[in-house]
């Protein structure tokens, strides 16, 4: 399902629409770090 709120970094709904702005920013930072680690391997 596509993301309607625009918060999902993948473009698919992952449930981030319910997060507070602070929690969203924390999750986004973790997502970016995990993505960087995967691309380095």
Protein backbone atom coordinates (compact mmCIF):
# COMPACT_ATOMS: atom_id res chain seq x y z
CA UNK A 1 0.00 0.00 0.00
CA UNK A 2 1.35 3.43 -0.90
CA UNK A 3 2.12 5.97 1.82
CA UNK A 4 -0.40 8.78 1.95
CA UNK A 5 1.20 10.79 4.73
CA UNK A 6 4.59 11.16 3.05
CA UNK A 7 6.64 10.00 6.03
CA UNK A 8 7.68 6.59 4.73
CA UNK A 9 11.21 6.60 3.27
CA UNK A 10 10.28 3.59 1.12
CA UNK A 11 7.12 5.07 -0.37
CA UNK A 12 5.10 2.19 1.07
CA UNK A 13 3.07 2.55 4.26
CA UNK A 14 5.05 1.32 7.27
CA UNK A 15 2.83 2.85 9.97
CA UNK A 16 4.84 5.98 10.65
CA UNK A 17 1.80 8.25 10.27
CA UNK A 18 0.92 7.76 13.95
CA UNK A 19 4.35 8.82 15.26
CA UNK A 20 5.02 12.12 16.95
CA UNK A 21 7.42 14.40 15.07
CA UNK A 22 10.18 13.54 17.57
CA UNK A 23 9.65 9.77 17.20
CA UNK A 24 9.43 10.10 13.42
CA UNK A 25 12.80 11.87 13.26
CA UNK A 26 14.41 9.20 15.48
CA UNK A 27 13.04 6.36 13.33
CA UNK A 28 14.10 8.13 10.15
CA UNK A 29 17.65 8.50 11.45
CA UNK A 30 17.78 4.79 12.39
CA UNK A 31 16.42 3.85 8.97
CA UNK A 32 19.11 5.91 7.24
CA UNK A 33 21.86 4.32 9.35
CA UNK A 34 20.60 0.80 8.62
CA UNK A 35 20.37 1.59 4.90
CA UNK A 36 23.95 2.90 4.88
CA UNK A 37 25.22 -0.23 6.66
CA UNK A 38 23.47 -2.51 4.16
CA UNK A 39 24.94 -0.66 1.18
CA UNK A 40 28.49 -0.90 2.62
CA UNK A 41 28.36 -4.70 2.82
